[in-house]
Protein backbone atom coordinates (compact mmCIF):
# COMPACT_ATOMS: atom_id res chain seq x y z
CA MET A 1 -25.95 -26.51 -11.84
CA PRO A 2 -23.34 -29.14 -12.75
CA THR A 3 -21.09 -30.36 -9.97
CA SER A 4 -17.41 -29.56 -10.47
CA ARG A 5 -14.87 -32.38 -10.53
CA ARG A 6 -11.68 -32.72 -8.56
CA ASN A 7 -8.37 -33.59 -10.23
CA ASP A 8 -8.87 -37.27 -9.39
CA GLY A 9 -12.08 -37.31 -11.46
CA HIS A 10 -14.42 -37.71 -8.52
CA ALA A 11 -17.11 -35.23 -7.58
CA PRO A 12 -16.28 -33.16 -4.47
CA PRO A 13 -18.25 -33.95 -1.33
CA PRO A 14 -21.62 -32.17 -1.05
CA ALA A 15 -21.99 -29.11 1.12
CA ILE A 16 -25.04 -30.71 2.76
CA SER A 17 -26.18 -34.32 2.72
CA ALA A 18 -28.74 -36.38 4.58
CA VAL A 19 -29.75 -40.03 4.43
CA ALA A 20 -33.02 -41.39 5.85
CA LEU A 21 -33.45 -38.39 8.16
CA ARG A 22 -36.35 -38.88 10.59
CA LYS A 23 -38.03 -36.78 13.26
CA SER A 24 -41.24 -37.26 15.23
CA TYR A 25 -43.03 -35.32 17.93
CA GLY A 26 -45.10 -37.76 19.92
CA ASP A 27 -47.16 -39.79 17.46
CA LYS A 28 -46.73 -37.23 14.67
CA THR A 29 -43.99 -38.00 12.15
CA VAL A 30 -42.60 -34.73 10.78
CA LEU A 31 -39.71 -36.09 8.70
CA ASP A 32 -40.11 -39.62 7.40
CA GLY A 33 -36.73 -40.66 6.03
CA ILE A 34 -35.69 -37.82 3.72
CA ASP A 35 -32.51 -37.83 1.62
CA LEU A 36 -30.65 -34.69 0.54
CA HIS A 37 -27.56 -34.07 -1.61
CA ILE A 38 -26.70 -30.41 -2.09
CA PRO A 39 -23.57 -29.43 -4.07
CA ALA A 40 -21.35 -26.62 -2.85
CA GLY A 41 -21.97 -23.20 -4.41
CA SER A 42 -25.60 -23.87 -5.29
CA VAL A 43 -29.05 -22.79 -4.13
CA PHE A 44 -31.31 -25.55 -2.86
CA ALA A 45 -34.95 -24.72 -2.14
CA LEU A 46 -37.17 -26.81 0.11
CA LEU A 47 -40.86 -26.25 -0.56
CA GLY A 48 -43.90 -27.56 1.23
CA PRO A 49 -47.16 -26.52 2.87
CA ASN A 50 -47.21 -25.16 6.39
CA GLY A 51 -46.33 -27.90 8.85
CA ALA A 52 -44.62 -30.03 6.20
CA GLY A 53 -41.37 -30.15 8.19
CA LYS A 54 -39.24 -27.54 6.39
CA THR A 55 -38.19 -25.70 9.55
CA THR A 56 -37.63 -29.00 11.37
CA ALA A 57 -35.20 -30.04 8.63
CA VAL A 58 -33.35 -26.74 8.97
CA LYS A 59 -33.17 -27.09 12.76
CA ILE A 60 -31.68 -30.58 12.49
CA LEU A 61 -29.10 -29.57 9.88
CA THR A 62 -28.09 -26.51 11.94
CA THR A 63 -27.77 -28.63 15.14
CA LEU A 64 -30.61 -26.85 16.96
CA ILE A 65 -32.46 -30.13 17.49
CA SER A 66 -31.48 -33.77 17.06
CA ALA A 67 -32.94 -36.24 14.60
CA ASP A 68 -34.58 -39.48 15.69
CA GLY A 69 -32.89 -41.43 12.94
CA GLY A 70 -30.74 -41.20 9.85
CA GLN A 71 -27.51 -39.32 9.23
CA ALA A 72 -26.67 -35.81 8.08
CA GLN A 73 -23.46 -34.01 7.24
CA VAL A 74 -22.93 -30.29 6.78
CA ALA A 75 -19.59 -28.93 5.53
CA GLY A 76 -18.13 -32.40 6.01
CA HIS A 77 -19.13 -32.61 9.69
CA ASP A 78 -21.63 -35.08 11.11
CA VAL A 79 -24.36 -32.98 12.72
CA ALA A 80 -24.79 -35.38 15.63
CA GLU A 81 -21.15 -36.24 16.33
CA HIS A 82 -19.44 -32.93 15.50
CA PRO A 83 -22.01 -30.14 16.01
CA ASP A 84 -19.32 -27.54 16.81
CA GLY A 85 -17.73 -28.13 13.40
CA VAL A 86 -21.09 -27.58 11.73
CA ARG A 87 -21.78 -24.40 13.71
CA GLY A 88 -18.39 -23.01 12.77
CA ALA A 89 -19.11 -23.42 9.06
CA ILE A 90 -22.66 -22.13 8.75
CA GLY A 91 -24.79 -19.04 9.07
CA VAL A 92 -28.50 -19.12 9.85
CA THR A 93 -31.23 -16.58 9.19
CA GLY A 94 -34.51 -17.80 10.64
CA GLN A 95 -38.11 -16.90 9.93
CA PHE A 96 -38.00 -14.23 12.60
CA SER A 97 -35.35 -11.55 12.69
CA ALA A 98 -32.55 -11.89 15.22
CA VAL A 99 -31.98 -8.14 15.14
CA ASP A 100 -32.07 -6.36 18.51
CA GLY A 101 -34.26 -3.31 17.95
CA LEU A 102 -33.03 -1.52 21.08
CA ILE A 103 -29.53 -0.98 19.68
CA THR A 104 -28.27 0.43 16.40
CA GLY A 105 -27.54 -1.55 13.27
CA GLU A 106 -23.82 -1.02 13.80
CA GLU A 107 -24.05 -2.21 17.40
CA ASN A 108 -25.89 -5.34 16.25
CA MET A 109 -23.05 -6.06 13.86
CA LEU A 110 -20.34 -5.42 16.46
CA LEU A 111 -22.12 -7.67 18.92
CA MET A 112 -22.06 -10.48 16.37
CA ALA A 113 -18.38 -9.83 15.69
CA ASP A 114 -17.72 -10.04 19.42
CA LEU A 115 -19.41 -13.45 19.51
CA HIS A 116 -16.98 -14.53 16.79
CA LEU A 117 -14.10 -13.39 19.04
CA MET A 118 -12.86 -10.78 16.59
CA SER A 119 -10.49 -8.05 17.62
CA LYS A 120 -12.00 -4.55 17.85
CA ARG A 121 -10.13 -3.47 14.74
CA GLU A 122 -11.24 -6.47 12.71
CA ALA A 123 -14.80 -6.16 14.02
CA ARG A 124 -15.08 -2.53 12.92
CA GLN A 125 -13.59 -3.29 9.52
CA VAL A 126 -15.93 -6.24 8.86
CA THR A 127 -18.91 -4.26 10.17
CA ALA A 128 -18.21 -1.30 7.91
CA GLU A 129 -17.74 -3.54 4.86
CA LEU A 130 -20.95 -5.47 5.41
CA LEU A 131 -23.05 -2.41 6.22
CA ALA A 132 -21.85 -0.86 2.96
CA ARG A 133 -22.50 -4.05 1.01
CA PHE A 134 -26.08 -4.18 2.25
CA ASP A 135 -26.71 -0.46 1.77
CA LEU A 136 -27.09 0.19 5.50
CA THR A 137 -24.27 2.66 6.12
CA GLU A 138 -26.54 5.71 6.45
CA ALA A 139 -28.82 3.90 8.88
CA ALA A 140 -26.01 2.29 10.86
CA THR A 141 -26.22 4.65 13.84
CA LYS A 142 -30.01 4.54 14.10
CA PRO A 143 -31.90 2.12 16.38
CA ALA A 144 -32.76 -1.04 14.47
CA SER A 145 -36.37 -0.64 15.67
CA THR A 146 -36.69 2.25 13.21
CA TYR A 147 -35.72 0.08 10.22
CA SER A 148 -38.22 -1.09 7.62
CA GLY A 149 -38.88 -4.81 7.23
CA GLY A 150 -36.55 -5.03 4.26
CA MET A 151 -33.76 -3.21 6.11
CA LYS A 152 -34.10 -5.53 9.10
CA ARG A 153 -33.82 -8.58 6.87
CA ARG A 154 -30.74 -7.14 5.16
CA LEU A 155 -29.20 -6.45 8.56
CA ASP A 156 -30.12 -9.97 9.66
CA ILE A 157 -28.23 -11.50 6.73
CA ALA A 158 -25.32 -9.08 7.20
CA MET A 159 -25.04 -10.31 10.80
CA THR A 160 -25.10 -13.89 9.53
CA LEU A 161 -22.13 -13.12 7.24
CA VAL A 162 -19.88 -11.71 9.97
CA GLY A 163 -18.21 -15.08 10.39
CA THR A 164 -17.84 -15.57 6.58
CA PRO A 165 -19.81 -18.84 6.51
CA ARG A 166 -19.64 -20.93 3.35
CA ILE A 167 -23.08 -22.43 3.92
CA ILE A 168 -26.11 -20.31 4.77
CA PHE A 169 -29.56 -21.46 5.81
CA LEU A 170 -32.31 -18.99 4.95
CA ASP A 171 -35.61 -20.05 6.51
CA GLU A 172 -38.33 -18.08 4.69
CA PRO A 173 -36.13 -14.96 4.44
CA THR A 174 -38.60 -12.81 2.50
CA THR A 175 -41.82 -13.55 4.39
CA GLY A 176 -43.69 -10.30 4.99
CA LEU A 177 -41.54 -8.21 2.66
CA ASP A 178 -42.99 -6.01 -0.06
CA PRO A 179 -42.21 -6.96 -3.69
CA ARG A 180 -39.35 -4.44 -4.04
CA SER A 181 -37.66 -5.63 -0.84
CA ARG A 182 -38.13 -9.25 -1.92
CA HIS A 183 -36.42 -8.59 -5.25
CA ASN A 184 -33.59 -6.80 -3.45
CA MET A 185 -33.16 -9.86 -1.24
CA TRP A 186 -33.00 -12.08 -4.33
CA GLY A 187 -30.14 -9.96 -5.62
CA ILE A 188 -28.28 -10.42 -2.34
CA ILE A 189 -28.73 -14.20 -2.49
CA ARG A 190 -27.44 -14.30 -6.08
CA GLU A 191 -24.35 -12.33 -5.03
CA LEU A 192 -23.66 -14.77 -2.20
CA VAL A 193 -23.83 -17.74 -4.56
CA ALA A 194 -21.59 -15.96 -7.06
CA ASP A 195 -19.03 -15.79 -4.24
CA GLY A 196 -19.22 -19.56 -3.81
CA VAL A 197 -21.61 -19.69 -0.86
CA THR A 198 -24.09 -22.58 -0.64
CA VAL A 199 -27.64 -21.49 0.20
CA PHE A 200 -30.29 -23.75 1.72
CA LEU A 201 -33.57 -21.90 1.24
CA THR A 202 -37.04 -22.61 2.55
CA THR A 203 -39.80 -20.46 1.16
CA GLN A 204 -43.55 -20.17 0.74
CA TYR A 205 -43.09 -18.16 -2.45
CA LEU A 206 -42.93 -20.50 -5.43
CA GLU A 207 -41.75 -17.67 -7.69
CA GLU A 208 -38.79 -17.25 -5.33
CA ALA A 209 -37.72 -20.86 -5.72
CA ASP A 210 -38.19 -20.62 -9.50
CA GLU A 211 -35.99 -17.51 -9.65
CA LEU A 212 -33.19 -18.65 -7.35
CA ALA A 213 -32.88 -22.39 -6.93
CA ASP A 214 -30.65 -24.77 -8.89
CA ARG A 215 -32.61 -27.67 -7.40
CA ILE A 216 -35.95 -27.80 -5.64
CA ALA A 217 -37.42 -30.46 -3.39
CA VAL A 218 -41.11 -30.59 -2.48
CA LEU A 219 -41.72 -31.88 1.06
CA ASN A 220 -45.12 -33.35 1.81
CA ASP A 221 -46.27 -35.56 4.70
CA GLY A 222 -42.70 -35.82 5.91
CA LYS A 223 -41.34 -37.18 2.62
CA ILE A 224 -39.70 -35.71 -0.47
CA ALA A 225 -42.51 -35.91 -3.03
CA ALA A 226 -40.26 -34.81 -5.92
CA GLU A 227 -36.90 -33.20 -6.53
CA GLY A 228 -35.21 -31.61 -9.53
CA SER A 229 -34.66 -28.33 -11.31
CA ALA A 230 -37.65 -26.04 -11.76
CA ASP A 231 -37.97 -27.07 -15.41
CA GLN A 232 -37.77 -30.77 -14.55
CA LEU A 233 -40.52 -30.44 -11.97
CA LYS A 234 -42.75 -28.48 -14.34
CA ARG A 235 -42.44 -31.17 -17.00
CA MET A 236 -43.83 -33.71 -14.54
CA ILE A 237 -47.20 -32.00 -14.40
CA PRO A 238 -49.84 -31.97 -17.16
CA GLY A 239 -52.11 -28.98 -17.63
CA GLY A 240 -50.59 -26.88 -20.42
CA HIS A 241 -53.07 -25.29 -22.78
CA VAL A 242 -53.57 -22.71 -25.50
CA ARG A 243 -56.31 -20.14 -24.97
CA LEU A 244 -58.11 -18.70 -27.98
CA ARG A 245 -60.42 -15.72 -27.63
CA PHE A 246 -62.75 -14.44 -30.35
CA THR A 247 -64.85 -11.33 -30.90
CA ASP A 248 -66.77 -12.82 -33.83
CA PRO A 249 -69.38 -15.34 -32.57
CA THR A 250 -69.42 -17.09 -35.94
CA ALA A 251 -65.65 -17.67 -35.86
CA TYR A 252 -65.93 -18.87 -32.27
CA GLN A 253 -68.66 -21.39 -33.10
CA ALA A 254 -66.73 -22.67 -36.12
CA ALA A 255 -63.60 -23.22 -34.03
CA ALA A 256 -65.53 -24.76 -31.14
CA SER A 257 -67.28 -27.20 -33.46
CA ALA A 258 -64.00 -28.38 -34.99
CA LEU A 259 -61.87 -28.39 -31.81
CA THR A 260 -64.00 -30.83 -29.85
CA GLU A 261 -61.31 -31.39 -27.18
CA ALA A 262 -61.37 -27.70 -26.20
CA ALA A 263 -63.01 -26.41 -23.03
CA ARG A 264 -65.60 -23.80 -24.00
CA SER A 265 -66.64 -20.49 -22.49
CA ASP A 266 -69.57 -19.34 -24.59
CA GLU A 267 -69.97 -16.16 -22.57
CA ALA A 268 -66.38 -15.06 -23.14
CA LEU A 269 -66.15 -16.54 -26.67
CA ALA A 270 -62.99 -18.38 -25.59
CA LEU A 271 -61.58 -21.89 -26.01
CA GLN A 272 -58.98 -23.66 -23.89
CA ILE A 273 -57.12 -26.39 -25.81
CA PRO A 274 -54.80 -28.92 -24.11
CA SER A 275 -51.20 -28.44 -25.24
CA ASP A 276 -47.70 -29.59 -24.29
CA GLY A 277 -46.47 -26.03 -24.90
CA SER A 278 -44.17 -27.00 -27.75
CA GLN A 279 -43.53 -24.72 -30.72
CA ARG A 280 -44.51 -27.55 -33.06
CA GLU A 281 -47.93 -28.02 -31.48
CA LEU A 282 -48.64 -24.28 -31.36
CA ARG A 283 -47.65 -23.85 -35.01
CA SER A 284 -49.90 -26.76 -35.99
CA LEU A 285 -52.88 -25.09 -34.30
CA LEU A 286 -52.20 -21.72 -35.91
CA ASP A 287 -51.73 -23.35 -39.34
CA TRP A 288 -55.09 -25.10 -38.92
CA LEU A 289 -56.80 -21.79 -38.05
CA ASP A 290 -55.28 -20.17 -41.15
CA ALA A 291 -56.30 -23.06 -43.39
CA ALA A 292 -59.85 -22.97 -42.02
CA GLY A 293 -60.07 -19.21 -42.47
CA ILE A 294 -60.77 -18.71 -38.76
CA GLU A 295 -59.22 -15.71 -37.05
CA ALA A 296 -58.70 -15.67 -33.27
CA ASP A 297 -58.35 -12.22 -31.75
CA GLU A 298 -56.16 -13.40 -28.91
CA VAL A 299 -53.84 -16.41 -28.52
CA ALA A 300 -52.26 -17.16 -25.14
CA LEU A 301 -50.05 -20.11 -24.17
CA HIS A 302 -50.06 -21.47 -20.61
CA THR A 303 -47.48 -24.00 -19.42
CA PRO A 304 -47.47 -25.57 -15.95
CA ASP A 305 -45.65 -23.48 -13.35
CA LEU A 306 -44.41 -24.26 -9.86
CA ASP A 307 -47.87 -23.47 -8.52
CA ASP A 308 -49.20 -26.40 -10.56
CA VAL A 309 -46.34 -28.59 -9.35
CA PHE A 310 -46.89 -27.64 -5.72
CA PHE A 311 -50.61 -28.27 -5.71
CA ALA A 312 -50.30 -31.52 -7.65
CA LEU A 313 -47.62 -32.96 -5.37
CA THR A 314 -49.02 -31.81 -2.05
CA GLY A 315 -52.64 -32.66 -2.78
CA SER A 316 -53.71 -29.11 -1.99
CA ASP A 317 -56.83 -27.66 -3.53
CA LYS A 318 -55.96 -25.10 -6.19
CA PRO A 319 -58.77 -22.92 -7.47
CA LYS A 320 -59.76 -24.21 -10.87
CA GLU A 321 -58.77 -21.92 -13.73
CA THR A 322 -61.70 -20.80 -15.78
CA VAL A 323 -61.67 -19.55 -19.34
CA ARG A 324 -62.55 -15.89 -19.42
């Protein structure tokens, strides 16, 4: 997402920034000098394996813990020197729901409004609007303990929005949700960004980052291993290929003999040919098959996805894909 320009020609200050941010626990370094620059009105996703430091970064930026070194600013406020200014500008939804299951959804909302020192009239108006926005009006008078996982997460975010924050931290907001609830949550996040809200997202779901994020950073061993748009990150990783499957053994053998760079699966009568995924390269392969009089029964193109990026950058072991 391009950054807008002010009238003086300079880019506006970022919603969130960090320079050389460090944090250790004993002799374990969790964050080893990370830099962040997140424009206002965008979605930034921080990916990484468990224990990579994602939640630690969120806790520092939301003033819950202090850094050991470096500087960070959120909404123009230094997180160390002006934590109250940061807290007044942000909303936080953590990995675990902050919903009180012993009271109703409406009472949870009113409690949050009370913490924001709203008048009773304003509190009831904001509560009603947000419950309607998150499709919770019918369930508003029921104990939150009776809500499904997706409903609790929607209520959690609705509570976060009571103070109309312009920057929201979502720490693994869809963990444990079923696919339908996860997609509903994605819609909510897109609506927030359309309203100009900045979203800092940590997630274990690579598809989620691919769907939502303008920029993605991969955190590994306390450092940013790579950062960019989803497409930019995918282009960093080799591994694209075209898969040809045959039903005629003779056609398969002819193709396999000519395409010596292809990985073979004699049992499945399939070939896997390295490819950059371009239209030009695919057309060249298909033209060669036509000219050779060889007919493949199935042609499938695979390009690297965020799974490939994640495993390549974090050194994790990804199960090897086999030709079937």
